[in-house]
Amino acid sequence: MAAPRKYPDELRERAIRMALDARRDPATKTGALKRIAGQLGINPETLRNWVVQAEVNAGLRICGWEGVATTSTSTTEISTRQVRPPTYPVRTVQLIPREGSE
């Protein structure tokens, strides 16, 4: 049996809605998650995780890379911009031919 959830689903949905609305407005964007989490009595990191998951579910975020939502006259289209993935060190392997293999 799964463990009971700490927060009710209604609180979670309300917090996500409030956070997404606050992040859209440039005047309230800075510190929005921390402020809203404080108002609702939840951990700011918990709210951030909820918002990230909601964005992934809505298609606004792909594989952890943030997408760009654009609004057209009739519908909301979601377009993603390719974000350059982090560069990882590349290992080079020197191939040494065996004797007699040609």
N, C-alpha and C. Protein backbone atom coordinates (compact mmCIF):
# COMPACT_ATOMS: atom_id res chain seq x y z
N MET A 1 0.83 -1.17 0.00
CA MET A 1 0.00 0.00 0.00
C MET A 1 0.88 1.25 0.00
N ALA A 2 0.53 2.21 -0.81
CA ALA A 2 1.32 3.43 -0.92
C ALA A 2 1.14 4.30 0.32
N ALA A 3 2.18 5.09 0.58
CA ALA A 3 2.13 6.00 1.72
C ALA A 3 1.13 7.12 1.44
N PRO A 4 0.44 7.60 2.47
CA PRO A 4 -0.50 8.70 2.26
C PRO A 4 0.26 9.97 1.88
N ARG A 5 -0.38 10.79 1.07
CA ARG A 5 0.24 12.04 0.63
C ARG A 5 0.18 13.06 1.76
N LYS A 6 1.23 13.87 1.82
CA LYS A 6 1.31 14.87 2.87
C LYS A 6 0.36 16.04 2.61
N TYR A 7 0.19 16.38 1.33
CA TYR A 7 -0.64 17.52 0.97
C TYR A 7 -1.83 17.02 0.13
N PRO A 8 -3.01 17.58 0.34
CA PRO A 8 -4.17 17.18 -0.47
C PRO A 8 -4.00 17.62 -1.93
N ASP A 9 -4.66 16.93 -2.83
CA ASP A 9 -4.58 17.24 -4.26
C ASP A 9 -5.09 18.64 -4.57
N GLU A 10 -6.11 19.10 -3.85
CA GLU A 10 -6.66 20.43 -4.08
C GLU A 10 -5.61 21.51 -3.79
N LEU A 11 -4.86 21.32 -2.70
CA LEU A 11 -3.81 22.28 -2.36
C LEU A 11 -2.71 22.27 -3.42
N ARG A 12 -2.37 21.09 -3.86
CA ARG A 12 -1.33 20.96 -4.88
C ARG A 12 -1.75 21.67 -6.17
N GLU A 13 -2.97 21.43 -6.63
CA GLU A 13 -3.46 22.06 -7.86
C GLU A 13 -3.53 23.58 -7.72
N ARG A 14 -4.00 24.05 -6.57
CA ARG A 14 -4.10 25.49 -6.33
C ARG A 14 -2.71 26.12 -6.32
N ALA A 15 -1.75 25.48 -5.66
CA ALA A 15 -0.40 26.02 -5.57
C ALA A 15 0.25 26.09 -6.95
N ILE A 16 0.07 25.06 -7.76
CA ILE A 16 0.63 25.05 -9.12
C ILE A 16 0.01 26.17 -9.95
N ARG A 17 -1.30 26.31 -9.87
CA ARG A 17 -1.99 27.36 -10.63
C ARG A 17 -1.50 28.74 -10.21
N MET A 18 -1.39 28.97 -8.91
CA MET A 18 -0.91 30.27 -8.41
C MET A 18 0.52 30.54 -8.86
N ALA A 19 1.37 29.52 -8.80
CA ALA A 19 2.78 29.69 -9.17
C ALA A 19 2.92 29.98 -10.66
N LEU A 20 2.18 29.26 -11.49
CA LEU A 20 2.27 29.50 -12.93
C LEU A 20 1.75 30.89 -13.30
N ASP A 21 0.67 31.32 -12.65
CA ASP A 21 0.15 32.66 -12.90
C ASP A 21 1.14 33.74 -12.47
N ALA A 22 1.75 33.54 -11.30
CA ALA A 22 2.71 34.53 -10.79
C ALA A 22 3.97 34.58 -11.66
N ARG A 23 4.38 33.46 -12.20
CA ARG A 23 5.60 33.43 -13.02
C ARG A 23 5.37 34.05 -14.39
N ARG A 24 4.12 34.13 -14.85
CA ARG A 24 3.83 34.76 -16.14
C ARG A 24 3.94 36.28 -16.06
N ASP A 25 3.62 36.83 -14.89
CA ASP A 25 3.64 38.28 -14.70
C ASP A 25 5.06 38.72 -14.30
N PRO A 26 5.71 39.56 -15.14
CA PRO A 26 7.09 39.98 -14.82
C PRO A 26 7.22 40.71 -13.48
N ALA A 27 6.16 41.39 -13.05
CA ALA A 27 6.23 42.13 -11.79
C ALA A 27 6.28 41.21 -10.58
N THR A 28 5.70 40.03 -10.68
CA THR A 28 5.66 39.11 -9.54
C THR A 28 6.52 37.87 -9.75
N LYS A 29 7.28 37.83 -10.83
CA LYS A 29 8.05 36.62 -11.15
C LYS A 29 9.15 36.33 -10.15
N THR A 30 9.87 37.36 -9.74
CA THR A 30 11.00 37.17 -8.84
C THR A 30 10.51 36.70 -7.47
N GLY A 31 10.99 35.57 -7.04
CA GLY A 31 10.64 35.02 -5.73
C GLY A 31 9.22 34.50 -5.62
N ALA A 32 8.58 34.26 -6.75
CA ALA A 32 7.17 33.84 -6.73
C ALA A 32 6.99 32.52 -6.00
N LEU A 33 7.82 31.54 -6.30
CA LEU A 33 7.64 30.22 -5.69
C LEU A 33 7.83 30.28 -4.18
N LYS A 34 8.84 31.00 -3.75
CA LYS A 34 9.11 31.09 -2.31
C LYS A 34 7.97 31.82 -1.59
N ARG A 35 7.47 32.89 -2.19
CA ARG A 35 6.40 33.66 -1.60
C ARG A 35 5.10 32.84 -1.51
N ILE A 36 4.76 32.17 -2.60
CA ILE A 36 3.52 31.38 -2.63
C ILE A 36 3.62 30.19 -1.69
N ALA A 37 4.77 29.56 -1.65
CA ALA A 37 4.96 28.43 -0.74
C ALA A 37 4.80 28.88 0.72
N GLY A 38 5.32 30.05 1.04
CA GLY A 38 5.16 30.58 2.38
C GLY A 38 3.71 30.87 2.72
N GLN A 39 2.96 31.41 1.75
CA GLN A 39 1.55 31.71 1.97
C GLN A 39 0.73 30.45 2.22
N LEU A 40 1.08 29.38 1.52
CA LEU A 40 0.31 28.14 1.61
C LEU A 40 0.86 27.16 2.66
N GLY A 41 2.02 27.48 3.24
CA GLY A 41 2.59 26.63 4.28
C GLY A 41 3.22 25.36 3.76
N ILE A 42 3.84 25.43 2.58
CA ILE A 42 4.54 24.27 2.04
C ILE A 42 5.98 24.64 1.76
N ASN A 43 6.82 23.65 1.60
CA ASN A 43 8.23 23.87 1.32
C ASN A 43 8.40 24.42 -0.10
N PRO A 44 9.22 25.48 -0.29
CA PRO A 44 9.41 26.04 -1.62
C PRO A 44 9.97 25.03 -2.63
N GLU A 45 10.80 24.13 -2.17
CA GLU A 45 11.36 23.12 -3.08
C GLU A 45 10.28 22.13 -3.52
N THR A 46 9.36 21.82 -2.64
CA THR A 46 8.23 20.96 -3.00
C THR A 46 7.39 21.63 -4.08
N LEU A 47 7.11 22.91 -3.91
CA LEU A 47 6.33 23.64 -4.91
C LEU A 47 7.08 23.68 -6.23
N ARG A 48 8.38 23.91 -6.20
CA ARG A 48 9.17 23.94 -7.43
C ARG A 48 9.09 22.60 -8.16
N ASN A 49 9.18 21.50 -7.42
CA ASN A 49 9.07 20.17 -8.03
C ASN A 49 7.69 19.96 -8.65
N TRP A 50 6.65 20.41 -7.97
CA TRP A 50 5.30 20.28 -8.50
C TRP A 50 5.16 21.06 -9.80
N VAL A 51 5.70 22.29 -9.82
CA VAL A 51 5.58 23.14 -11.00
C VAL A 51 6.34 22.54 -12.17
N VAL A 52 7.56 22.04 -11.92
CA VAL A 52 8.34 21.41 -12.98
C VAL A 52 7.59 20.22 -13.55
N GLN A 53 7.02 19.38 -12.68
CA GLN A 53 6.28 18.21 -13.16
C GLN A 53 5.05 18.62 -13.95
N ALA A 54 4.36 19.67 -13.50
CA ALA A 54 3.18 20.15 -14.23
C ALA A 54 3.57 20.68 -15.60
N GLU A 55 4.73 21.36 -15.69
CA GLU A 55 5.21 21.85 -16.99
C GLU A 55 5.58 20.70 -17.91
N VAL A 56 6.17 19.67 -17.39
CA VAL A 56 6.50 18.49 -18.20
C VAL A 56 5.22 17.83 -18.69
N ASN A 57 4.24 17.68 -17.81
CA ASN A 57 2.97 17.06 -18.20
C ASN A 57 2.23 17.87 -19.24
N ALA A 58 2.37 19.20 -19.19
CA ALA A 58 1.69 20.08 -20.15
C ALA A 58 2.47 20.24 -21.45
N GLY A 59 3.69 19.72 -21.49
CA GLY A 59 4.51 19.85 -22.69
C GLY A 59 5.29 21.15 -22.75
N LEU A 60 5.33 21.90 -21.67
CA LEU A 60 6.09 23.15 -21.65
C LEU A 60 7.56 22.91 -21.37
N ARG A 61 7.87 21.76 -20.86
CA ARG A 61 9.25 21.43 -20.52
C ARG A 61 9.51 20.03 -21.03
N ILE A 62 10.59 19.84 -21.73
CA ILE A 62 10.90 18.54 -22.32
C ILE A 62 12.24 18.05 -21.77
N CYS A 63 12.23 16.90 -21.17
CA CYS A 63 13.45 16.27 -20.64
C CYS A 63 14.24 17.22 -19.75
N GLY A 64 13.56 18.03 -19.00
CA GLY A 64 14.24 18.94 -18.11
C GLY A 64 14.71 20.21 -18.79
N TRP A 65 14.54 20.32 -20.09
CA TRP A 65 14.92 21.55 -20.80
C TRP A 65 13.68 22.38 -20.97
N GLU A 66 13.77 23.64 -20.63
CA GLU A 66 12.59 24.50 -20.66
C GLU A 66 12.20 24.85 -22.09
N GLY A 67 10.93 24.76 -22.37
CA GLY A 67 10.40 25.14 -23.67
C GLY A 67 9.89 26.57 -23.62
N VAL A 68 9.47 27.08 -24.73
CA VAL A 68 8.95 28.43 -24.82
C VAL A 68 7.50 28.35 -25.25
N ALA A 69 6.61 28.91 -24.48
CA ALA A 69 5.20 28.90 -24.83
C ALA A 69 4.87 30.19 -25.57
N THR A 70 4.30 30.09 -26.74
CA THR A 70 3.92 31.26 -27.51
C THR A 70 2.42 31.28 -27.65
N THR A 71 1.84 32.46 -27.65
CA THR A 71 0.40 32.59 -27.76
C THR A 71 0.04 33.13 -29.13
N SER A 72 -0.83 32.44 -29.85
CA SER A 72 -1.31 32.92 -31.13
C SER A 72 -2.73 33.44 -30.94
N THR A 73 -3.35 33.93 -32.00
CA THR A 73 -4.67 34.54 -31.87
C THR A 73 -5.75 33.54 -31.50
N SER A 74 -5.67 32.31 -32.00
CA SER A 74 -6.77 31.37 -31.75
C SER A 74 -6.42 30.30 -30.73
N THR A 75 -5.21 29.81 -30.74
CA THR A 75 -4.84 28.73 -29.82
C THR A 75 -3.49 29.01 -29.20
N THR A 76 -3.19 28.25 -28.21
CA THR A 76 -1.88 28.34 -27.59
C THR A 76 -1.01 27.25 -28.17
N GLU A 77 0.03 27.66 -28.84
CA GLU A 77 0.95 26.70 -29.43
C GLU A 77 2.18 26.61 -28.56
N ILE A 78 2.66 25.44 -28.43
CA ILE A 78 3.86 25.24 -27.63
C ILE A 78 4.99 24.87 -28.56
N SER A 79 5.98 25.71 -28.58
CA SER A 79 7.14 25.41 -29.40
C SER A 79 8.33 25.27 -28.46
N THR A 80 9.20 24.41 -28.81
CA THR A 80 10.37 24.21 -27.97
C THR A 80 11.60 24.69 -28.71
N ARG A 81 12.49 25.25 -27.96
CA ARG A 81 13.75 25.63 -28.57
C ARG A 81 14.80 24.67 -28.03
N GLN A 82 15.63 24.28 -28.93
CA GLN A 82 16.65 23.33 -28.56
C GLN A 82 17.69 24.03 -27.70
N VAL A 83 17.88 23.53 -26.53
CA VAL A 83 18.90 24.06 -25.65
C VAL A 83 20.10 23.15 -25.77
N ARG A 84 21.23 23.76 -25.92
CA ARG A 84 22.44 22.97 -26.09
C ARG A 84 22.70 22.15 -24.83
N PRO A 85 22.80 20.85 -24.96
CA PRO A 85 23.04 20.02 -23.78
C PRO A 85 24.44 20.29 -23.22
N PRO A 86 24.64 19.99 -21.97
CA PRO A 86 25.95 20.22 -21.39
C PRO A 86 27.00 19.36 -22.09
N THR A 87 28.18 19.90 -22.18
CA THR A 87 29.26 19.16 -22.84
C THR A 87 29.92 18.25 -21.82
N TYR A 88 30.14 17.07 -22.23
CA TYR A 88 30.79 16.09 -21.39
C TYR A 88 32.17 15.81 -21.96
N PRO A 89 33.11 15.49 -21.09
CA PRO A 89 34.44 15.18 -21.60
C PRO A 89 34.39 13.97 -22.54
N VAL A 90 35.07 14.09 -23.62
CA VAL A 90 35.07 13.02 -24.61
C VAL A 90 36.37 12.24 -24.44
N ARG A 91 36.21 10.95 -24.31
CA ARG A 91 37.39 10.10 -24.20
C ARG A 91 37.81 9.68 -25.59
N THR A 92 39.07 9.81 -25.86
CA THR A 92 39.57 9.35 -27.15
C THR A 92 40.26 8.01 -26.93
N VAL A 93 40.08 7.16 -27.87
CA VAL A 93 40.68 5.83 -27.79
C VAL A 93 41.65 5.70 -28.95
N GLN A 94 42.85 5.33 -28.60
CA GLN A 94 43.84 5.15 -29.64
C GLN A 94 43.81 3.69 -30.08
N LEU A 95 43.56 3.48 -31.34
CA LEU A 95 43.50 2.12 -31.87
C LEU A 95 44.88 1.70 -32.33
N ILE A 96 45.34 0.61 -31.80
CA ILE A 96 46.64 0.08 -32.18
C ILE A 96 46.39 -1.21 -32.95
N PRO A 97 46.76 -1.24 -34.20
CA PRO A 97 46.51 -2.45 -34.98
C PRO A 97 47.35 -3.61 -34.46
N ARG A 98 46.78 -4.81 -34.50
CA ARG A 98 47.51 -6.00 -34.10
C ARG A 98 48.46 -6.41 -35.21
N GLU A 99 49.46 -7.12 -34.82
CA GLU A 99 50.39 -7.62 -35.83
C GLU A 99 49.69 -8.64 -36.71
N GLY A 100 49.88 -8.51 -37.96
CA GLY A 100 49.33 -9.46 -38.91
C GLY A 100 47.88 -9.20 -39.26
N SER A 101 47.29 -8.11 -38.77
CA SER A 101 45.90 -7.82 -39.13
C SER A 101 45.87 -6.64 -40.11
N GLU A 102 45.76 -6.97 -41.35
CA GLU A 102 45.67 -5.93 -42.37
C GLU A 102 44.80 -6.37 -43.48
